Full PDB file with SEQRES, HELIX, SHEET, SSBOND, CRYST1, ORIGX, SCALE, CONECT and MASTER records, all heavy atoms in Angstrom:
SEQRES   1 A   37  LEU ARG LEU SER ILE GLU GLY GLU GLN ARG ASN SER ASP          
SEQRES   2 A   37  THR GLY ARG GLU ASP ARG THR GLY THR GLU VAL THR ALA          
SEQRES   3 A   37  ARG LEU PHE HIS ARG LEU ASP ASN GLY VAL VAL                  
SHEET    1 AA1 2 ARG A   2  ARG A  10  0                                        
SHEET    2 AA1 2 ARG A  19  ARG A  27 -1                                        
CRYST1    1.000    1.000    1.000  90.00  90.00  90.00 P 1           1          
ORIGX1      1.000000  0.000000  0.000000        0.00000                         
ORIGX2      0.000000  1.000000  0.000000        0.00000                         
ORIGX3      0.000000  0.000000  1.000000        0.00000                         
SCALE1      1.000000  0.000000  0.000000        0.00000                         
SCALE2      0.000000  1.000000  0.000000        0.00000                         
SCALE3      0.000000  0.000000  1.000000        0.00000                         
ATOM      1  N   LEU A   1       2.657 111.670-163.790  1.00  0.00           N  
ATOM      2  CA  LEU A   1       4.056 111.392-164.226  1.00  0.00           C  
ATOM      3  C   LEU A   1       4.128 109.997-164.787  1.00  0.00           C  
ATOM      4  O   LEU A   1       3.825 108.956-164.155  1.00  0.00           O  
ATOM      5  CB  LEU A   1       5.044 111.542-163.040  1.00  0.00           C  
ATOM      6  CG  LEU A   1       6.488 111.288-163.256  1.00  0.00           C  
ATOM      7  CD1 LEU A   1       7.030 112.253-164.272  1.00  0.00           C  
ATOM      8  CD2 LEU A   1       7.295 111.244-162.029  1.00  0.00           C  
ATOM      9  N   ARG A   2       4.686 109.820-166.050  1.00  0.00           N  
ATOM     10  CA  ARG A   2       4.769 108.610-166.659  1.00  0.00           C  
ATOM     11  C   ARG A   2       6.232 108.297-166.704  1.00  0.00           C  
ATOM     12  O   ARG A   2       7.167 109.090-167.386  1.00  0.00           O  
ATOM     13  CB  ARG A   2       4.179 108.582-168.031  1.00  0.00           C  
ATOM     14  CG  ARG A   2       4.275 107.288-168.788  1.00  0.00           C  
ATOM     15  CD  ARG A   2       3.442 106.259-168.290  1.00  0.00           C  
ATOM     16  NE  ARG A   2       3.545 104.976-168.955  1.00  0.00           N  
ATOM     17  CZ  ARG A   2       2.994 103.844-168.588  1.00  0.00           C  
ATOM     18  NH1 ARG A   2       2.238 103.840-167.475  1.00  0.00           N  
ATOM     19  NH2 ARG A   2       3.083 102.761-169.248  1.00  0.00           N  
ATOM     20  N   LEU A   3       6.714 107.143-166.222  1.00  0.00           N  
ATOM     21  CA  LEU A   3       8.102 106.623-166.203  1.00  0.00           C  
ATOM     22  C   LEU A   3       8.135 105.426-167.023  1.00  0.00           C  
ATOM     23  O   LEU A   3       7.257 104.554-166.832  1.00  0.00           O  
ATOM     24  CB  LEU A   3       8.550 106.379-164.695  1.00  0.00           C  
ATOM     25  CG  LEU A   3       8.457 107.577-163.750  1.00  0.00           C  
ATOM     26  CD1 LEU A   3       8.813 107.129-162.369  1.00  0.00           C  
ATOM     27  CD2 LEU A   3       9.485 108.717-164.157  1.00  0.00           C  
ATOM     28  N   SER A   4       9.155 105.307-167.742  1.00  0.00           N  
ATOM     29  CA  SER A   4       9.407 104.050-168.533  1.00  0.00           C  
ATOM     30  C   SER A   4      10.882 103.769-168.742  1.00  0.00           C  
ATOM     31  O   SER A   4      11.768 104.661-168.732  1.00  0.00           O  
ATOM     32  CB  SER A   4       8.763 104.205-169.895  1.00  0.00           C  
ATOM     33  OG  SER A   4       9.340 105.106-170.739  1.00  0.00           O  
ATOM     34  N   ILE A   5      11.207 102.443-168.878  1.00  0.00           N  
ATOM     35  CA  ILE A   5      12.540 102.076-169.213  1.00  0.00           C  
ATOM     36  C   ILE A   5      12.441 101.019-170.397  1.00  0.00           C  
ATOM     37  O   ILE A   5      11.548 100.146-170.260  1.00  0.00           O  
ATOM     38  CB  ILE A   5      13.274 101.522-167.983  1.00  0.00           C  
ATOM     39  CG1 ILE A   5      14.671 101.102-168.378  1.00  0.00           C  
ATOM     40  CG2 ILE A   5      12.504 100.379-167.347  1.00  0.00           C  
ATOM     41  CD1 ILE A   5      15.541 100.742-167.235  1.00  0.00           C  
ATOM     42  N   GLU A   6      13.271 101.174-171.414  1.00  0.00           N  
ATOM     43  CA  GLU A   6      13.102 100.337-172.558  1.00  0.00           C  
ATOM     44  C   GLU A   6      14.515  99.726-172.875  1.00  0.00           C  
ATOM     45  O   GLU A   6      15.588 100.515-172.886  1.00  0.00           O  
ATOM     46  CB  GLU A   6      12.593 101.181-173.698  1.00  0.00           C  
ATOM     47  CG  GLU A   6      12.418 100.411-175.014  1.00  0.00           C  
ATOM     48  CD  GLU A   6      11.722 101.276-176.095  1.00  0.00           C  
ATOM     49  OE1 GLU A   6      10.530 101.429-175.994  1.00  0.00           O  
ATOM     50  OE2 GLU A   6      12.493 101.826-176.970  1.00  0.00           O  
ATOM     51  N   GLY A   7      14.534  98.471-173.192  1.00  0.00           N  
ATOM     52  CA  GLY A   7      15.743  97.919-173.715  1.00  0.00           C  
ATOM     53  C   GLY A   7      15.591  97.334-175.065  1.00  0.00           C  
ATOM     54  O   GLY A   7      14.522  96.859-175.379  1.00  0.00           O  
ATOM     55  N   GLU A   8      16.573  97.536-175.985  1.00  0.00           N  
ATOM     56  CA  GLU A   8      16.360  97.153-177.340  1.00  0.00           C  
ATOM     57  C   GLU A   8      17.635  96.587-177.936  1.00  0.00           C  
ATOM     58  O   GLU A   8      18.699  96.990-177.568  1.00  0.00           O  
ATOM     59  CB  GLU A   8      16.088  98.434-178.152  1.00  0.00           C  
ATOM     60  CG  GLU A   8      15.795  98.218-179.660  1.00  0.00           C  
ATOM     61  CD  GLU A   8      15.496  99.465-180.473  1.00  0.00           C  
ATOM     62  OE1 GLU A   8      16.440 100.174-180.866  1.00  0.00           O  
ATOM     63  OE2 GLU A   8      14.333  99.675-180.653  1.00  0.00           O  
ATOM     64  N   GLN A   9      17.421  95.496-178.665  1.00  0.00           N  
ATOM     65  CA  GLN A   9      18.547  94.808-179.375  1.00  0.00           C  
ATOM     66  C   GLN A   9      18.300  94.893-180.820  1.00  0.00           C  
ATOM     67  O   GLN A   9      17.267  94.484-181.386  1.00  0.00           O  
ATOM     68  CB  GLN A   9      18.592  93.306-178.874  1.00  0.00           C  
ATOM     69  CG  GLN A   9      19.687  92.444-179.599  1.00  0.00           C  
ATOM     70  CD  GLN A   9      21.090  92.947-179.215  1.00  0.00           C  
ATOM     71  OE1 GLN A   9      21.397  93.271-178.118  1.00  0.00           O  
ATOM     72  NE2 GLN A   9      21.932  92.858-180.186  1.00  0.00           N  
ATOM     73  N   ARG A  10      19.287  95.381-181.512  1.00  0.00           N  
ATOM     74  CA  ARG A  10      19.241  95.411-183.069  1.00  0.00           C  
ATOM     75  C   ARG A  10      20.343  94.635-183.640  1.00  0.00           C  
ATOM     76  O   ARG A  10      21.554  94.958-183.459  1.00  0.00           O  
ATOM     77  CB  ARG A  10      19.343  96.869-183.518  1.00  0.00           C  
ATOM     78  CG  ARG A  10      18.089  97.749-183.217  1.00  0.00           C  
ATOM     79  CD  ARG A  10      18.123  99.149-183.804  1.00  0.00           C  
ATOM     80  NE  ARG A  10      16.880  99.782-183.615  1.00  0.00           N  
ATOM     81  CZ  ARG A  10      15.990 100.027-184.488  1.00  0.00           C  
ATOM     82  NH1 ARG A  10      16.132  99.511-185.715  1.00  0.00           N  
ATOM     83  NH2 ARG A  10      14.896 100.643-184.251  1.00  0.00           N  
ATOM     84  N   ASN A  11      19.953  93.613-184.411  1.00  0.00           N  
ATOM     85  CA  ASN A  11      20.944  92.766-185.085  1.00  0.00           C  
ATOM     86  C   ASN A  11      20.954  93.175-186.536  1.00  0.00           C  
ATOM     87  O   ASN A  11      19.803  93.068-187.235  1.00  0.00           O  
ATOM     88  CB  ASN A  11      20.486  91.294-184.913  1.00  0.00           C  
ATOM     89  CG  ASN A  11      20.637  90.839-183.512  1.00  0.00           C  
ATOM     90  OD1 ASN A  11      21.471  91.363-182.657  1.00  0.00           O  
ATOM     91  ND2 ASN A  11      19.908  89.888-183.097  1.00  0.00           N  
ATOM     92  N   SER A  12      22.023  93.599-187.117  1.00  0.00           N  
ATOM     93  CA  SER A  12      22.155  94.021-188.462  1.00  0.00           C  
ATOM     94  C   SER A  12      21.997  93.036-189.527  1.00  0.00           C  
ATOM     95  O   SER A  12      22.494  91.972-189.349  1.00  0.00           O  
ATOM     96  CB  SER A  12      23.435  94.861-188.620  1.00  0.00           C  
ATOM     97  OG  SER A  12      23.520  95.410-189.948  1.00  0.00           O  
ATOM     98  N   ASP A  13      21.304  93.296-190.610  1.00  0.00           N  
ATOM     99  CA  ASP A  13      21.251  92.509-191.801  1.00  0.00           C  
ATOM    100  C   ASP A  13      22.169  92.989-192.904  1.00  0.00           C  
ATOM    101  O   ASP A  13      22.159  92.498-193.986  1.00  0.00           O  
ATOM    102  CB  ASP A  13      19.864  92.513-192.296  1.00  0.00           C  
ATOM    103  CG  ASP A  13      18.826  91.770-191.453  1.00  0.00           C  
ATOM    104  OD1 ASP A  13      19.246  90.704-191.010  1.00  0.00           O  
ATOM    105  OD2 ASP A  13      17.689  92.231-191.231  1.00  0.00           O  
ATOM    106  N   THR A  14      22.942  94.017-192.618  1.00  0.00           N  
ATOM    107  CA  THR A  14      23.856  94.609-193.585  1.00  0.00           C  
ATOM    108  C   THR A  14      25.403  94.303-193.352  1.00  0.00           C  
ATOM    109  O   THR A  14      26.185  94.840-194.042  1.00  0.00           O  
ATOM    110  CB  THR A  14      23.671  96.164-193.640  1.00  0.00           C  
ATOM    111  OG1 THR A  14      24.055  96.713-192.401  1.00  0.00           O  
ATOM    112  CG2 THR A  14      22.209  96.449-193.958  1.00  0.00           C  
ATOM    113  N   GLY A  15      25.634  93.470-192.445  1.00  0.00           N  
ATOM    114  CA  GLY A  15      27.025  93.131-192.097  1.00  0.00           C  
ATOM    115  C   GLY A  15      27.635  94.040-191.061  1.00  0.00           C  
ATOM    116  O   GLY A  15      28.780  93.850-190.669  1.00  0.00           O  
ATOM    117  N   ARG A  16      26.921  95.103-190.595  1.00  0.00           N  
ATOM    118  CA  ARG A  16      27.443  95.961-189.556  1.00  0.00           C  
ATOM    119  C   ARG A  16      27.310  95.262-188.171  1.00  0.00           C  
ATOM    120  O   ARG A  16      26.588  94.216-187.973  1.00  0.00           O  
ATOM    121  CB  ARG A  16      26.659  97.240-189.525  1.00  0.00           C  
ATOM    122  CG  ARG A  16      26.682  98.051-190.767  1.00  0.00           C  
ATOM    123  CD  ARG A  16      25.907  99.341-190.788  1.00  0.00           C  
ATOM    124  NE  ARG A  16      26.505 100.275-189.808  1.00  0.00           N  
ATOM    125  CZ  ARG A  16      26.075 101.464-189.551  1.00  0.00           C  
ATOM    126  NH1 ARG A  16      24.824 101.779-190.011  1.00  0.00           N  
ATOM    127  NH2 ARG A  16      26.695 102.279-188.804  1.00  0.00           N  
ATOM    128  N   GLU A  17      27.970  95.827-187.166  1.00  0.00           N  
ATOM    129  CA  GLU A  17      27.954  95.209-185.850  1.00  0.00           C  
ATOM    130  C   GLU A  17      26.498  95.480-185.277  1.00  0.00           C  
ATOM    131  O   GLU A  17      25.912  96.424-185.513  1.00  0.00           O  
ATOM    132  CB  GLU A  17      29.024  95.886-184.965  1.00  0.00           C  
ATOM    133  CG  GLU A  17      30.537  95.540-185.344  1.00  0.00           C  
ATOM    134  CD  GLU A  17      30.866  94.079-185.095  1.00  0.00           C  
ATOM    135  OE1 GLU A  17      30.063  93.415-184.374  1.00  0.00           O  
ATOM    136  OE2 GLU A  17      31.840  93.603-185.635  1.00  0.00           O  
ATOM    137  N   ASP A  18      26.142  94.527-184.424  1.00  0.00           N  
ATOM    138  CA  ASP A  18      24.872  94.634-183.632  1.00  0.00           C  
ATOM    139  C   ASP A  18      24.985  95.653-182.687  1.00  0.00           C  
ATOM    140  O   ASP A  18      26.122  96.098-182.214  1.00  0.00           O  
ATOM    141  CB  ASP A  18      24.508  93.314-183.069  1.00  0.00           C  
ATOM    142  CG  ASP A  18      24.357  92.081-184.091  1.00  0.00           C  
ATOM    143  OD1 ASP A  18      24.133  92.457-185.297  1.00  0.00           O  
ATOM    144  OD2 ASP A  18      24.482  90.929-183.712  1.00  0.00           O  
ATOM    145  N   ARG A  19      23.907  96.113-182.064  1.00  0.00           N  
ATOM    146  CA  ARG A  19      23.943  97.126-181.003  1.00  0.00           C  
ATOM    147  C   ARG A  19      22.808  96.922-180.025  1.00  0.00           C  
ATOM    148  O   ARG A  19      21.699  96.458-180.403  1.00  0.00           O  
ATOM    149  CB  ARG A  19      23.934  98.484-181.539  1.00  0.00           C  
ATOM    150  CG  ARG A  19      22.723  98.825-182.550  1.00  0.00           C  
ATOM    151  CD  ARG A  19      23.031 100.085-183.370  1.00  0.00           C  
ATOM    152  NE  ARG A  19      21.961 100.544-184.137  1.00  0.00           N  
ATOM    153  CZ  ARG A  19      21.638 100.021-185.363  1.00  0.00           C  
ATOM    154  NH1 ARG A  19      22.305  98.977-185.860  1.00  0.00           N  
ATOM    155  NH2 ARG A  19      20.577 100.415-186.030  1.00  0.00           N  
ATOM    156  N   THR A  20      23.038  97.244-178.839  1.00  0.00           N  
ATOM    157  CA  THR A  20      22.133  97.266-177.727  1.00  0.00           C  
ATOM    158  C   THR A  20      21.865  98.550-177.166  1.00  0.00           C  
ATOM    159  O   THR A  20      22.807  99.319-176.860  1.00  0.00           O  
ATOM    160  CB  THR A  20      22.629  96.292-176.657  1.00  0.00           C  
ATOM    161  OG1 THR A  20      22.949  94.959-177.241  1.00  0.00           O  
ATOM    162  CG2 THR A  20      21.641  96.043-175.550  1.00  0.00           C  
ATOM    163  N   GLY A  21      20.630  98.876-176.989  1.00  0.00           N  
ATOM    164  CA  GLY A  21      20.239 100.274-176.510  1.00  0.00           C  
ATOM    165  C   GLY A  21      19.390 100.240-175.238  1.00  0.00           C  
ATOM    166  O   GLY A  21      18.595  99.300-174.991  1.00  0.00           O  
ATOM    167  N   THR A  22      19.482 101.195-174.383  1.00  0.00           N  
ATOM    168  CA  THR A  22      18.713 101.433-173.167  1.00  0.00           C  
ATOM    169  C   THR A  22      18.147 102.870-173.161  1.00  0.00           C  
ATOM    170  O   THR A  22      18.937 103.778-173.418  1.00  0.00           O  
ATOM    171  CB  THR A  22      19.382 101.060-171.956  1.00  0.00           C  
ATOM    172  OG1 THR A  22      19.941  99.730-171.919  1.00  0.00           O  
ATOM    173  CG2 THR A  22      18.552 101.154-170.814  1.00  0.00           C  
ATOM    174  N   GLU A  23      16.942 103.027-172.911  1.00  0.00           N  
ATOM    175  CA  GLU A  23      16.370 104.391-172.827  1.00  0.00           C  
ATOM    176  C   GLU A  23      15.491 104.499-171.637  1.00  0.00           C  
ATOM    177  O   GLU A  23      14.587 103.604-171.348  1.00  0.00           O  
ATOM    178  CB  GLU A  23      15.554 104.778-174.030  1.00  0.00           C  
ATOM    179  CG  GLU A  23      14.985 106.121-174.096  1.00  0.00           C  
ATOM    180  CD  GLU A  23      14.316 106.475-175.443  1.00  0.00           C  
ATOM    181  OE1 GLU A  23      13.081 106.184-175.519  1.00  0.00           O  
ATOM    182  OE2 GLU A  23      14.879 107.091-176.259  1.00  0.00           O  
ATOM    183  N   VAL A  24      15.658 105.475-170.916  1.00  0.00           N  
ATOM    184  CA  VAL A  24      14.885 105.907-169.641  1.00  0.00           C  
ATOM    185  C   VAL A  24      14.179 107.199-169.907  1.00  0.00           C  
ATOM    186  O   VAL A  24      14.850 108.217-170.334  1.00  0.00           O  
ATOM    187  CB  VAL A  24      15.795 105.941-168.359  1.00  0.00           C  
ATOM    188  CG1 VAL A  24      14.836 106.260-167.168  1.00  0.00           C  
ATOM    189  CG2 VAL A  24      16.559 104.611-168.123  1.00  0.00           C  
ATOM    190  N   THR A  25      12.839 107.257-169.650  1.00  0.00           N  
ATOM    191  CA  THR A  25      12.069 108.425-170.032  1.00  0.00           C  
ATOM    192  C   THR A  25      11.209 108.721-168.831  1.00  0.00           C  
ATOM    193  O   THR A  25      10.539 107.961-168.238  1.00  0.00           O  
ATOM    194  CB  THR A  25      11.268 108.237-171.300  1.00  0.00           C  
ATOM    195  OG1 THR A  25      12.180 107.870-172.385  1.00  0.00           O  
ATOM    196  CG2 THR A  25      10.476 109.545-171.698  1.00  0.00           C  
ATOM    197  N   ALA A  26      11.044 110.069-168.602  1.00  0.00           N  
ATOM    198  CA  ALA A  26      10.110 110.641-167.693  1.00  0.00           C  
ATOM    199  C   ALA A  26       9.223 111.651-168.352  1.00  0.00           C  
ATOM    200  O   ALA A  26       9.737 112.610-169.041  1.00  0.00           O  
ATOM    201  CB  ALA A  26      10.746 111.184-166.426  1.00  0.00           C  
ATOM    202  N   ARG A  27       7.913 111.497-168.329  1.00  0.00           N  
ATOM    203  CA  ARG A  27       6.985 112.452-168.859  1.00  0.00           C  
ATOM    204  C   ARG A  27       6.047 113.046-167.899  1.00  0.00           C  
ATOM    205  O   ARG A  27       5.364 112.246-167.216  1.00  0.00           O  
ATOM    206  CB  ARG A  27       6.266 111.860-170.071  1.00  0.00           C  
ATOM    207  CG  ARG A  27       7.032 111.228-171.193  1.00  0.00           C  
ATOM    208  CD  ARG A  27       6.158 110.578-172.249  1.00  0.00           C  
ATOM    209  NE  ARG A  27       6.909 110.097-173.443  1.00  0.00           N  
ATOM    210  CZ  ARG A  27       7.426 108.860-173.439  1.00  0.00           C  
ATOM    211  NH1 ARG A  27       7.225 107.982-172.390  1.00  0.00           N  
ATOM    212  NH2 ARG A  27       8.026 108.424-174.563  1.00  0.00           N  
ATOM    213  N   LEU A  28       5.894 114.272-167.896  1.00  0.00           N  
ATOM    214  CA  LEU A  28       5.020 114.940-166.939  1.00  0.00           C  
ATOM    215  C   LEU A  28       3.775 115.588-167.688  1.00  0.00           C  
ATOM    216  O   LEU A  28       4.025 116.354-168.670  1.00  0.00           O  
ATOM    217  CB  LEU A  28       5.720 116.076-166.167  1.00  0.00           C  
ATOM    218  CG  LEU A  28       5.024 116.828-165.115  1.00  0.00           C  
ATOM    219  CD1 LEU A  28       4.609 115.859-164.018  1.00  0.00           C  
ATOM    220  CD2 LEU A  28       5.805 118.061-164.667  1.00  0.00           C  
ATOM    221  N   PHE A  29       2.577 115.270-167.289  1.00  0.00           N  
ATOM    222  CA  PHE A  29       1.382 115.706-167.923  1.00  0.00           C  
ATOM    223  C   PHE A  29       0.535 116.616-166.958  1.00  0.00           C  
ATOM    224  O   PHE A  29       0.550 116.386-165.744  1.00  0.00           O  
ATOM    225  CB  PHE A  29       0.521 114.575-168.298  1.00  0.00           C  
ATOM    226  CG  PHE A  29       1.166 113.548-169.269  1.00  0.00           C  
ATOM    227  CD1 PHE A  29       1.907 112.465-168.792  1.00  0.00           C  
ATOM    228  CD2 PHE A  29       0.905 113.675-170.618  1.00  0.00           C  
ATOM    229  CE1 PHE A  29       2.474 111.553-169.651  1.00  0.00           C  
ATOM    230  CE2 PHE A  29       1.601 112.761-171.458  1.00  0.00           C  
ATOM    231  CZ  PHE A  29       2.301 111.791-170.950  1.00  0.00           C  
ATOM    232  N   HIS A  30      -0.025 117.624-167.569  1.00  0.00           N  
ATOM    233  CA  HIS A  30      -0.933 118.467-166.688  1.00  0.00           C  
ATOM    234  C   HIS A  30      -2.061 118.923-167.604  1.00  0.00           C  
ATOM    235  O   HIS A  30      -1.823 119.432-168.715  1.00  0.00           O  
ATOM    236  CB  HIS A  30      -0.114 119.659-166.175  1.00  0.00           C  
ATOM    237  CG  HIS A  30      -0.986 120.630-165.321  1.00  0.00           C  
ATOM    238  ND1 HIS A  30      -1.404 120.227-164.083  1.00  0.00           N  
ATOM    239  CD2 HIS A  30      -1.527 121.820-165.604  1.00  0.00           C  
ATOM    240  CE1 HIS A  30      -2.214 121.173-163.585  1.00  0.00           C  
ATOM    241  NE2 HIS A  30      -2.228 122.174-164.422  1.00  0.00           N  
ATOM    242  N   ARG A  31      -3.328 118.758-167.087  1.00  0.00           N  
ATOM    243  CA  ARG A  31      -4.489 119.182-167.838  1.00  0.00           C  
ATOM    244  C   ARG A  31      -4.977 120.519-167.270  1.00  0.00           C  
ATOM    245  O   ARG A  31      -5.226 120.680-166.137  1.00  0.00           O  
ATOM    246  CB  ARG A  31      -5.615 118.021-167.738  1.00  0.00           C  
ATOM    247  CG  ARG A  31      -6.854 118.438-168.458  1.00  0.00           C  
ATOM    248  CD  ARG A  31      -7.794 117.240-168.383  1.00  0.00           C  
ATOM    249  NE  ARG A  31      -7.360 116.180-169.238  1.00  0.00           N  
ATOM    250  CZ  ARG A  31      -6.797 115.040-168.645  1.00  0.00           C  
ATOM    251  NH1 ARG A  31      -6.541 114.968-167.372  1.00  0.00           N  
ATOM    252  NH2 ARG A  31      -6.456 114.001-169.429  1.00  0.00           N  
ATOM    253  N   LEU A  32      -5.181 121.499-168.225  1.00  0.00           N  
ATOM    254  CA  LEU A  32      -5.745 122.790-167.855  1.00  0.00           C  
ATOM    255  C   LEU A  32      -7.196 122.803-167.863  1.00  0.00           C  
ATOM    256  O   LEU A  32      -7.888 121.853-168.253  1.00  0.00           O  
ATOM    257  CB  LEU A  32      -5.174 123.878-168.857  1.00  0.00           C  
ATOM    258  CG  LEU A  32      -3.614 123.972-168.985  1.00  0.00           C  
ATOM    259  CD1 LEU A  32      -3.285 125.057-170.054  1.00  0.00           C  
ATOM    260  CD2 LEU A  32      -3.017 124.425-167.601  1.00  0.00           C  
ATOM    261  N   ASP A  33      -7.784 123.867-167.289  1.00  0.00           N  
ATOM    262  CA  ASP A  33      -9.210 124.044-167.217  1.00  0.00           C  
ATOM    263  C   ASP A  33      -9.836 123.968-168.625  1.00  0.00           C  
ATOM    264  O   ASP A  33     -11.013 123.524-168.752  1.00  0.00           O  
ATOM    265  CB  ASP A  33      -9.623 125.235-166.433  1.00  0.00           C  
ATOM    266  CG  ASP A  33      -9.293 125.208-164.954  1.00  0.00           C  
ATOM    267  OD1 ASP A  33      -9.058 124.031-164.537  1.00  0.00           O  
ATOM    268  OD2 ASP A  33      -9.103 126.313-164.442  1.00  0.00           O  
ATOM    269  N   ASN A  34      -9.192 124.567-169.589  1.00  0.00           N  
ATOM    270  CA  ASN A  34      -9.785 124.636-170.893  1.00  0.00           C  
ATOM    271  C   ASN A  34      -9.613 123.440-171.809  1.00  0.00           C  
ATOM    272  O   ASN A  34      -9.953 123.455-172.976  1.00  0.00           O  
ATOM    273  CB  ASN A  34      -9.229 125.864-171.662  1.00  0.00           C  
ATOM    274  CG  ASN A  34      -7.709 125.700-171.746  1.00  0.00           C  
ATOM    275  OD1 ASN A  34      -7.051 124.711-171.416  1.00  0.00           O  
ATOM    276  ND2 ASN A  34      -7.001 126.827-172.408  1.00  0.00           N  
ATOM    277  N   GLY A  35      -9.199 122.261-171.207  1.00  0.00           N  
ATOM    278  CA  GLY A  35      -9.100 121.036-171.920  1.00  0.00           C  
ATOM    279  C   GLY A  35      -7.800 120.808-172.810  1.00  0.00           C  
ATOM    280  O   GLY A  35      -7.617 119.883-173.386  1.00  0.00           O  
ATOM    281  N   VAL A  36      -6.802 121.782-172.516  1.00  0.00           N  
ATOM    282  CA  VAL A  36      -5.499 121.676-173.096  1.00  0.00           C  
ATOM    283  C   VAL A  36      -4.616 120.865-172.165  1.00  0.00           C  
ATOM    284  O   VAL A  36      -4.572 121.133-170.962  1.00  0.00           O  
ATOM    285  CB  VAL A  36      -4.914 123.021-173.367  1.00  0.00           C  
ATOM    286  CG1 VAL A  36      -3.520 122.875-173.858  1.00  0.00           C  
ATOM    287  CG2 VAL A  36      -5.732 123.843-174.333  1.00  0.00           C  
ATOM    288  N   VAL A  37      -3.937 119.852-172.699  1.00  0.00           N  
ATOM    289  CA  VAL A  37      -3.061 119.078-171.978  1.00  0.00           C  
ATOM    290  C   VAL A  37      -1.603 119.483-172.296  1.00  0.00           C  
ATOM    291  O   VAL A  37      -1.213 119.409-173.434  1.00  0.00           O  
ATOM    292  CB  VAL A  37      -3.292 117.540-172.191  1.00  0.00           C  
ATOM    293  CG1 VAL A  37      -2.247 116.678-171.361  1.00  0.00           C  
ATOM    294  CG2 VAL A  37      -4.660 117.250-171.963  1.00  0.00           C  
TER     295      VAL A  37                                                      
MASTER        0    0    0    0    2    0    0    6  294    1    0    3          
END                                                                             
């Protein structure tokens, strides 16, 4: 299981308002006998 949290700040160069983002992700991996993940 891969867990991650990401914070991002984007400051606009086009005159639009800046924005702040947060993303939380969980990824589950499982490897089969035949080499397929």
